[in-house]
């Protein structure tokens, strides 16, 4: 993967936090209704929201949306 500069700004977490880097993306998980609590889908969604899942996101150089300086921008419009 090759990082992309936009307007001369590098893809850094600091750039996203300060608003200098003009692009970011939020990933959403969609289900058809509420998955049963004991299902694989429900377990995966819990995993994404717990600290282990967040640590894995951080280990790849990304940041969980709720930890950005403006987390409200991460919500669907």
PDB file of N, CA and C in Angstrom:
ATOM      1  N   UNK A   1       0.849  -1.169   0.000  1.00  0.00           N
ATOM      2  CA  UNK A   1       0.000   0.000   0.000  1.00  0.00           C
ATOM      3  C   UNK A   1       0.897   1.236   0.000  1.00  0.00           C
ATOM      4  N   UNK A   2       0.555   2.187  -0.819  1.00  0.00           N
ATOM      5  CA  UNK A   2       1.319   3.423  -0.918  1.00  0.00           C
ATOM      6  C   UNK A   2       0.500   4.573  -0.321  1.00  0.00           C
ATOM      7  N   UNK A   3       1.008   5.243   0.727  1.00  0.00           N
ATOM      8  CA  UNK A   3       0.270   6.391   1.278  1.00  0.00           C
ATOM      9  C   UNK A   3       0.096   7.480   0.215  1.00  0.00           C
ATOM     10  N   UNK A   4      -1.017   8.154   0.263  1.00  0.00           N
ATOM     11  CA  UNK A   4      -1.327   9.192  -0.716  1.00  0.00           C
ATOM     12  C   UNK A   4      -1.364  10.551  -0.030  1.00  0.00           C
ATOM     13  N   UNK A   5      -0.621  11.498  -0.584  1.00  0.00           N
ATOM     14  CA  UNK A   5      -0.687  12.881  -0.091  1.00  0.00           C
ATOM     15  C   UNK A   5      -1.832  13.590  -0.812  1.00  0.00           C
ATOM     16  N   UNK A   6      -2.571  14.383  -0.080  1.00  0.00           N
ATOM     17  CA  UNK A   6      -3.620  15.207  -0.667  1.00  0.00           C
ATOM     18  C   UNK A   6      -3.306  16.648  -0.299  1.00  0.00           C
ATOM     19  N   UNK A   7      -3.179  17.486  -1.310  1.00  0.00           N
ATOM     20  CA  UNK A   7      -2.837  18.885  -1.057  1.00  0.00           C
ATOM     21  C   UNK A   7      -1.489  19.036  -0.387  1.00  0.00           C
ATOM     22  N   UNK A   8      -0.611  18.053  -0.599  1.00  0.00           N
ATOM     23  CA  UNK A   8       0.716  18.097   0.014  1.00  0.00           C
ATOM     24  C   UNK A   8       0.783  17.555   1.429  1.00  0.00           C
ATOM     25  N   UNK A   9      -0.360  17.206   1.999  1.00  0.00           N
ATOM     26  CA  UNK A   9      -0.379  16.706   3.370  1.00  0.00           C
ATOM     27  C   UNK A   9      -0.223  15.189   3.394  1.00  0.00           C
ATOM     28  N   UNK A  10       0.674  14.675   4.249  1.00  0.00           N
ATOM     29  CA  UNK A  10       0.844  13.223   4.350  1.00  0.00           C
ATOM     30  C   UNK A  10      -0.299  12.595   5.148  1.00  0.00           C
ATOM     31  N   UNK A  11      -0.457  11.298   4.978  1.00  0.00           N
ATOM     32  CA  UNK A  11      -1.491  10.569   5.710  1.00  0.00           C
ATOM     33  C   UNK A  11      -0.970  10.214   7.100  1.00  0.00           C
ATOM     34  N   UNK A  12      -1.210  11.093   8.053  1.00  0.00           N
ATOM     35  CA  UNK A  12      -0.809  10.844   9.436  1.00  0.00           C
ATOM     36  C   UNK A  12      -2.016  11.010  10.344  1.00  0.00           C
ATOM     37  N   UNK A  13      -1.971  10.364  11.503  1.00  0.00           N
ATOM     38  CA  UNK A  13      -3.057  10.533  12.473  1.00  0.00           C
ATOM     39  C   UNK A  13      -3.144  11.984  12.938  1.00  0.00           C
ATOM     40  N   UNK A  14      -1.983  12.639  13.053  1.00  0.00           N
ATOM     41  CA  UNK A  14      -1.970  14.037  13.465  1.00  0.00           C
ATOM     42  C   UNK A  14      -2.680  14.903  12.426  1.00  0.00           C
ATOM     43  N   UNK A  15      -2.452  14.584  11.140  1.00  0.00           N
ATOM     44  CA  UNK A  15      -3.112  15.332  10.073  1.00  0.00           C
ATOM     45  C   UNK A  15      -4.616  15.162  10.094  1.00  0.00           C
ATOM     46  N   UNK A  16      -5.076  13.951  10.398  1.00  0.00           N
ATOM     47  CA  UNK A  16      -6.517  13.709  10.492  1.00  0.00           C
ATOM     48  C   UNK A  16      -7.080  14.463  11.696  1.00  0.00           C
ATOM     49  N   UNK A  17      -6.396  14.362  12.847  1.00  0.00           N
ATOM     50  CA  UNK A  17      -6.867  15.035  14.056  1.00  0.00           C
ATOM     51  C   UNK A  17      -6.956  16.545  13.879  1.00  0.00           C
ATOM     52  N   UNK A  18      -5.969  17.132  13.212  1.00  0.00           N
ATOM     53  CA  UNK A  18      -5.942  18.594  13.066  1.00  0.00           C
ATOM     54  C   UNK A  18      -6.837  19.081  11.940  1.00  0.00           C
ATOM     55  N   UNK A  19      -7.317  18.153  11.109  1.00  0.00           N
ATOM     56  CA  UNK A  19      -8.139  18.543   9.977  1.00  0.00           C
ATOM     57  C   UNK A  19      -7.329  18.903   8.749  1.00  0.00           C
ATOM     58  N   UNK A  20      -5.989  18.771   8.820  1.00  0.00           N
ATOM     59  CA  UNK A  20      -5.142  19.111   7.677  1.00  0.00           C
ATOM     60  C   UNK A  20      -5.282  18.098   6.555  1.00  0.00           C
ATOM     61  N   UNK A  21      -5.387  16.820   6.903  1.00  0.00           N
ATOM     62  CA  UNK A  21      -5.542  15.797   5.867  1.00  0.00           C
ATOM     63  C   UNK A  21      -7.030  15.691   5.571  1.00  0.00           C
ATOM     64  N   UNK A  22      -7.453  16.013   4.350  1.00  0.00           N
ATOM     65  CA  UNK A  22      -8.876  16.183   4.071  1.00  0.00           C
ATOM     66  C   UNK A  22      -9.679  14.912   3.824  1.00  0.00           C
ATOM     67  N   UNK A  23      -9.103  13.746   4.009  1.00  0.00           N
ATOM     68  CA  UNK A  23      -9.856  12.527   3.742  1.00  0.00           C
ATOM     69  C   UNK A  23      -9.662  11.535   4.868  1.00  0.00           C
ATOM     70  N   UNK A  24     -10.727  10.912   5.285  1.00  0.00           N
ATOM     71  CA  UNK A  24     -10.689   9.791   6.220  1.00  0.00           C
ATOM     72  C   UNK A  24     -11.905   8.948   5.911  1.00  0.00           C
ATOM     73  N   UNK A  25     -11.901   7.753   6.391  1.00  0.00           N
ATOM     74  CA  UNK A  25     -12.993   6.842   6.073  1.00  0.00           C
ATOM     75  C   UNK A  25     -13.414   6.094   7.323  1.00  0.00           C
ATOM     76  N   UNK A  26     -14.694   5.898   7.447  1.00  0.00           N
ATOM     77  CA  UNK A  26     -15.252   5.114   8.547  1.00  0.00           C
ATOM     78  C   UNK A  26     -15.806   3.827   7.964  1.00  0.00           C
ATOM     79  N   UNK A  27     -15.477   2.728   8.583  1.00  0.00           N
ATOM     80  CA  UNK A  27     -16.011   1.435   8.155  1.00  0.00           C
ATOM     81  C   UNK A  27     -17.241   1.118   8.990  1.00  0.00           C
ATOM     82  N   UNK A  28     -18.260   0.601   8.347  1.00  0.00           N
ATOM     83  CA  UNK A  28     -19.497   0.234   9.028  1.00  0.00           C
ATOM     84  C   UNK A  28     -19.742  -1.257   8.871  1.00  0.00           C
ATOM     85  N   UNK A  29     -20.357  -1.834   9.874  1.00  0.00           N
ATOM     86  CA  UNK A  29     -20.778  -3.231   9.796  1.00  0.00           C
ATOM     87  C   UNK A  29     -22.295  -3.226   9.682  1.00  0.00           C
ATOM     88  N   UNK A  30     -22.816  -3.874   8.672  1.00  0.00           N
ATOM     89  CA  UNK A  30     -24.255  -3.915   8.450  1.00  0.00           C
ATOM     90  C   UNK A  30     -24.773  -5.333   8.680  1.00  0.00           C
ATOM     91  N   UNK A  31     -25.913  -5.428   9.319  1.00  0.00           N
ATOM     92  CA  UNK A  31     -26.565  -6.715   9.504  1.00  0.00           C
ATOM     93  C   UNK A  31     -28.028  -6.565   9.111  1.00  0.00           C
ATOM     94  N   UNK A  32     -28.645  -7.671   8.817  1.00  0.00           N
ATOM     95  CA  UNK A  32     -30.071  -7.669   8.534  1.00  0.00           C
ATOM     96  C   UNK A  32     -30.765  -7.911   9.862  1.00  0.00           C
ATOM     97  N   UNK A  33     -31.113  -6.839  10.534  1.00  0.00           N
ATOM     98  CA  UNK A  33     -31.692  -6.940  11.865  1.00  0.00           C
ATOM     99  C   UNK A  33     -30.596  -7.143  12.912  1.00  0.00           C
ATOM    100  N   UNK A  34     -31.015  -7.300  14.128  1.00  0.00           N
ATOM    101  CA  UNK A  34     -30.081  -7.528  15.241  1.00  0.00           C
ATOM    102  C   UNK A  34     -29.638  -8.987  15.224  1.00  0.00           C
ATOM    103  N   UNK A  35     -28.324  -9.249  15.156  1.00  0.00           N
ATOM    104  CA  UNK A  35     -27.902 -10.650  15.148  1.00  0.00           C
ATOM    105  C   UNK A  35     -28.147 -11.292  16.522  1.00  0.00           C
ATOM    106  N   UNK A  36     -28.476 -12.569  16.550  1.00  0.00           N
ATOM    107  CA  UNK A  36     -28.661 -13.252  17.835  1.00  0.00           C
ATOM    108  C   UNK A  36     -27.401 -13.099  18.699  1.00  0.00           C
ATOM    109  N   UNK A  37     -27.590 -12.915  19.983  1.00  0.00           N
ATOM    110  CA  UNK A  37     -26.482 -12.650  20.901  1.00  0.00           C
ATOM    111  C   UNK A  37     -25.408 -13.729  20.855  1.00  0.00           C
ATOM    112  N   UNK A  38     -25.778 -14.977  20.583  1.00  0.00           N
ATOM    113  CA  UNK A  38     -24.796 -16.061  20.580  1.00  0.00           C
ATOM    114  C   UNK A  38     -24.256 -16.361  19.174  1.00  0.00           C
ATOM    115  N   UNK A  39     -24.499 -15.455  18.204  1.00  0.00           N
ATOM    116  CA  UNK A  39     -24.054 -15.698  16.826  1.00  0.00           C
ATOM    117  C   UNK A  39     -22.625 -15.207  16.594  1.00  0.00           C
ATOM    118  N   UNK A  40     -22.021 -15.719  15.550  1.00  0.00           N
ATOM    119  CA  UNK A  40     -20.685 -15.293  15.153  1.00  0.00           C
ATOM    120  C   UNK A  40     -20.682 -13.803  14.821  1.00  0.00           C
ATOM    121  N   UNK A  41     -21.727 -13.328  14.151  1.00  0.00           N
ATOM    122  CA  UNK A  41     -21.807 -11.906  13.782  1.00  0.00           C
ATOM    123  C   UNK A  41     -21.822 -11.023  15.026  1.00  0.00           C
ATOM    124  N   UNK A  42     -22.623 -11.380  16.021  1.00  0.00           N
ATOM    125  CA  UNK A  42     -22.690 -10.589  17.252  1.00  0.00           C
ATOM    126  C   UNK A  42     -21.345 -10.607  17.975  1.00  0.00           C
ATOM    127  N   UNK A  43     -20.696 -11.765  18.005  1.00  0.00           N
ATOM    128  CA  UNK A  43     -19.384 -11.862  18.635  1.00  0.00           C
ATOM    129  C   UNK A  43     -18.361 -10.997  17.936  1.00  0.00           C
ATOM    130  N   UNK A  44     -18.396 -10.963  16.609  1.00  0.00           N
ATOM    131  CA  UNK A  44     -17.453 -10.144  15.851  1.00  0.00           C
ATOM    132  C   UNK A  44     -17.699  -8.660  16.105  1.00  0.00           C
ATOM    133  N   UNK A  45     -18.950  -8.259  16.158  1.00  0.00           N
ATOM    134  CA  UNK A  45     -19.250  -6.851  16.431  1.00  0.00           C
ATOM    135  C   UNK A  45     -18.796  -6.447  17.830  1.00  0.00           C
ATOM    136  N   UNK A  46     -18.953  -7.331  18.811  1.00  0.00           N
ATOM    137  CA  UNK A  46     -18.458  -7.045  20.166  1.00  0.00           C
ATOM    138  C   UNK A  46     -16.941  -6.934  20.149  1.00  0.00           C
ATOM    139  N   UNK A  47     -16.287  -7.821  19.412  1.00  0.00           N
ATOM    140  CA  UNK A  47     -14.832  -7.824  19.301  1.00  0.00           C
ATOM    141  C   UNK A  47     -14.320  -6.498  18.739  1.00  0.00           C
ATOM    142  N   UNK A  48     -14.982  -5.986  17.709  1.00  0.00           N
ATOM    143  CA  UNK A  48     -14.554  -4.726  17.116  1.00  0.00           C
ATOM    144  C   UNK A  48     -14.651  -3.569  18.095  1.00  0.00           C
ATOM    145  N   UNK A  49     -15.612  -3.640  19.000  1.00  0.00           N
ATOM    146  CA  UNK A  49     -15.829  -2.552  19.943  1.00  0.00           C
ATOM    147  C   UNK A  49     -15.075  -2.667  21.242  1.00  0.00           C
ATOM    148  N   UNK A  50     -14.430  -3.812  21.484  1.00  0.00           N
ATOM    149  CA  UNK A  50     -13.712  -3.941  22.762  1.00  0.00           C
ATOM    150  C   UNK A  50     -12.252  -3.516  22.607  1.00  0.00           C
ATOM    151  N   UNK A  51     -11.534  -3.483  23.685  1.00  0.00           N
ATOM    152  CA  UNK A  51     -10.153  -2.995  23.652  1.00  0.00           C
ATOM    153  C   UNK A  51      -9.223  -3.869  22.808  1.00  0.00           C
ATOM    154  N   UNK A  52      -9.438  -5.176  22.761  1.00  0.00           N
ATOM    155  CA  UNK A  52      -8.581  -6.037  21.947  1.00  0.00           C
ATOM    156  C   UNK A  52      -8.709  -5.648  20.473  1.00  0.00           C
ATOM    157  N   UNK A  53      -9.937  -5.489  20.001  1.00  0.00           N
ATOM    158  CA  UNK A  53     -10.153  -5.085  18.621  1.00  0.00           C
ATOM    159  C   UNK A  53      -9.563  -3.708  18.341  1.00  0.00           C
ATOM    160  N   UNK A  54      -9.744  -2.784  19.279  1.00  0.00           N
ATOM    161  CA  UNK A  54      -9.190  -1.437  19.114  1.00  0.00           C
ATOM    162  C   UNK A  54      -7.660  -1.472  19.106  1.00  0.00           C
ATOM    163  N   UNK A  55      -7.069  -2.330  19.927  1.00  0.00           N
ATOM    164  CA  UNK A  55      -5.606  -2.459  19.931  1.00  0.00           C
ATOM    165  C   UNK A  55      -5.093  -2.960  18.585  1.00  0.00           C
ATOM    166  N   UNK A  56      -5.830  -3.867  17.964  1.00  0.00           N
ATOM    167  CA  UNK A  56      -5.427  -4.374  16.647  1.00  0.00           C
ATOM    168  C   UNK A  56      -5.526  -3.261  15.610  1.00  0.00           C
ATOM    169  N   UNK A  57      -6.570  -2.472  15.667  1.00  0.00           N
ATOM    170  CA  UNK A  57      -6.697  -1.331  14.753  1.00  0.00           C
ATOM    171  C   UNK A  57      -5.508  -0.394  14.944  1.00  0.00           C
ATOM    172  N   UNK A  58      -5.164  -0.086  16.199  1.00  0.00           N
ATOM    173  CA  UNK A  58      -4.022   0.798  16.478  1.00  0.00           C
ATOM    174  C   UNK A  58      -2.711   0.187  15.994  1.00  0.00           C
ATOM    175  N   UNK A  59      -2.560  -1.137  16.126  1.00  0.00           N
ATOM    176  CA  UNK A  59      -1.294  -1.782  15.738  1.00  0.00           C
ATOM    177  C   UNK A  59      -1.023  -1.666  14.245  1.00  0.00           C
ATOM    178  N   UNK A  60      -2.054  -1.371  13.458  1.00  0.00           N
ATOM    179  CA  UNK A  60      -1.894  -1.191  12.012  1.00  0.00           C
ATOM    180  C   UNK A  60      -1.757   0.281  11.638  1.00  0.00           C
ATOM    181  N   UNK A  61      -1.531   1.134  12.651  1.00  0.00           N
ATOM    182  CA  UNK A  61      -1.313   2.546  12.389  1.00  0.00           C
ATOM    183  C   UNK A  61      -2.578   3.365  12.249  1.00  0.00           C
ATOM    184  N   UNK A  62      -3.713   2.773  12.574  1.00  0.00           N
ATOM    185  CA  UNK A  62      -4.976   3.494  12.480  1.00  0.00           C
ATOM    186  C   UNK A  62      -5.469   3.830  13.878  1.00  0.00           C
ATOM    187  N   UNK A  63      -6.571   4.528  13.947  1.00  0.00           N
ATOM    188  CA  UNK A  63      -7.124   4.904  15.240  1.00  0.00           C
ATOM    189  C   UNK A  63      -8.626   4.654  15.224  1.00  0.00           C
ATOM    190  N   UNK A  64      -9.153   4.047  16.296  1.00  0.00           N
ATOM    191  CA  UNK A  64     -10.605   3.897  16.369  1.00  0.00           C
ATOM    192  C   UNK A  64     -11.282   5.260  16.258  1.00  0.00           C
ATOM    193  N   UNK A  65     -12.368   5.296  15.556  1.00  0.00           N
ATOM    194  CA  UNK A  65     -13.064   6.549  15.263  1.00  0.00           C
ATOM    195  C   UNK A  65     -13.371   7.357  16.523  1.00  0.00           C
ATOM    196  N   UNK A  66     -13.798   6.708  17.578  1.00  0.00           N
ATOM    197  CA  UNK A  66     -14.171   7.409  18.801  1.00  0.00           C
ATOM    198  C   UNK A  66     -12.990   8.127  19.444  1.00  0.00           C
ATOM    199  N   UNK A  67     -11.768   7.806  19.040  1.00  0.00           N
ATOM    200  CA  UNK A  67     -10.590   8.432  19.628  1.00  0.00           C
ATOM    201  C   UNK A  67     -10.076   9.629  18.822  1.00  0.00           C
ATOM    202  N   UNK A  68     -10.726   9.955  17.711  1.00  0.00           N
ATOM    203  CA  UNK A  68     -10.327  11.129  16.945  1.00  0.00           C
ATOM    204  C   UNK A  68     -10.722  12.387  17.709  1.00  0.00           C
ATOM    205  N   UNK A  69     -10.120  13.512  17.376  1.00  0.00           N
ATOM    206  CA  UNK A  69     -10.430  14.749  18.096  1.00  0.00           C
ATOM    207  C   UNK A  69     -11.868  15.193  17.876  1.00  0.00           C
ATOM    208  N   UNK A  70     -12.483  14.785  16.756  1.00  0.00           N
ATOM    209  CA  UNK A  70     -13.881  15.107  16.479  1.00  0.00           C
ATOM    210  C   UNK A  70     -14.648  13.824  16.144  1.00  0.00           C
ATOM    211  N   UNK A  71     -14.882  12.972  17.155  1.00  0.00           N
ATOM    212  CA  UNK A  71     -15.506  11.676  16.881  1.00  0.00           C
ATOM    213  C   UNK A  71     -16.910  11.769  16.299  1.00  0.00           C
ATOM    214  N   UNK A  72     -17.593  12.890  16.466  1.00  0.00           N
ATOM    215  CA  UNK A  72     -18.938  13.005  15.910  1.00  0.00           C
ATOM    216  C   UNK A  72     -18.917  12.948  14.394  1.00  0.00           C
ATOM    217  N   UNK A  73     -17.783  13.286  13.769  1.00  0.00           N
ATOM    218  CA  UNK A  73     -17.672  13.205  12.314  1.00  0.00           C
ATOM    219  C   UNK A  73     -17.720  11.762  11.835  1.00  0.00           C
ATOM    220  N   UNK A  74     -17.563  10.813  12.737  1.00  0.00           N
ATOM    221  CA  UNK A  74     -17.533   9.405  12.372  1.00  0.00           C
ATOM    222  C   UNK A  74     -18.927   8.800  12.279  1.00  0.00           C
ATOM    223  N   UNK A  75     -19.927   9.521  12.645  1.00  0.00           N
ATOM    224  CA  UNK A  75     -21.287   8.988  12.624  1.00  0.00           C
ATOM    225  C   UNK A  75     -21.909   9.172  11.247  1.00  0.00           C
ATOM    226  N   UNK A  76     -22.752   8.244  10.842  1.00  0.00           N
ATOM    227  CA  UNK A  76     -23.400   8.402   9.533  1.00  0.00           C
ATOM    228  C   UNK A  76     -24.231   9.677   9.478  1.00  0.00           C
ATOM    229  N   UNK A  77     -24.265  10.293   8.293  1.00  0.00           N
ATOM    230  CA  UNK A  77     -24.986  11.549   8.117  1.00  0.00           C
ATOM    231  C   UNK A  77     -26.458  11.373   7.936  1.00  0.00           C
TER     232      UNK A  77
END
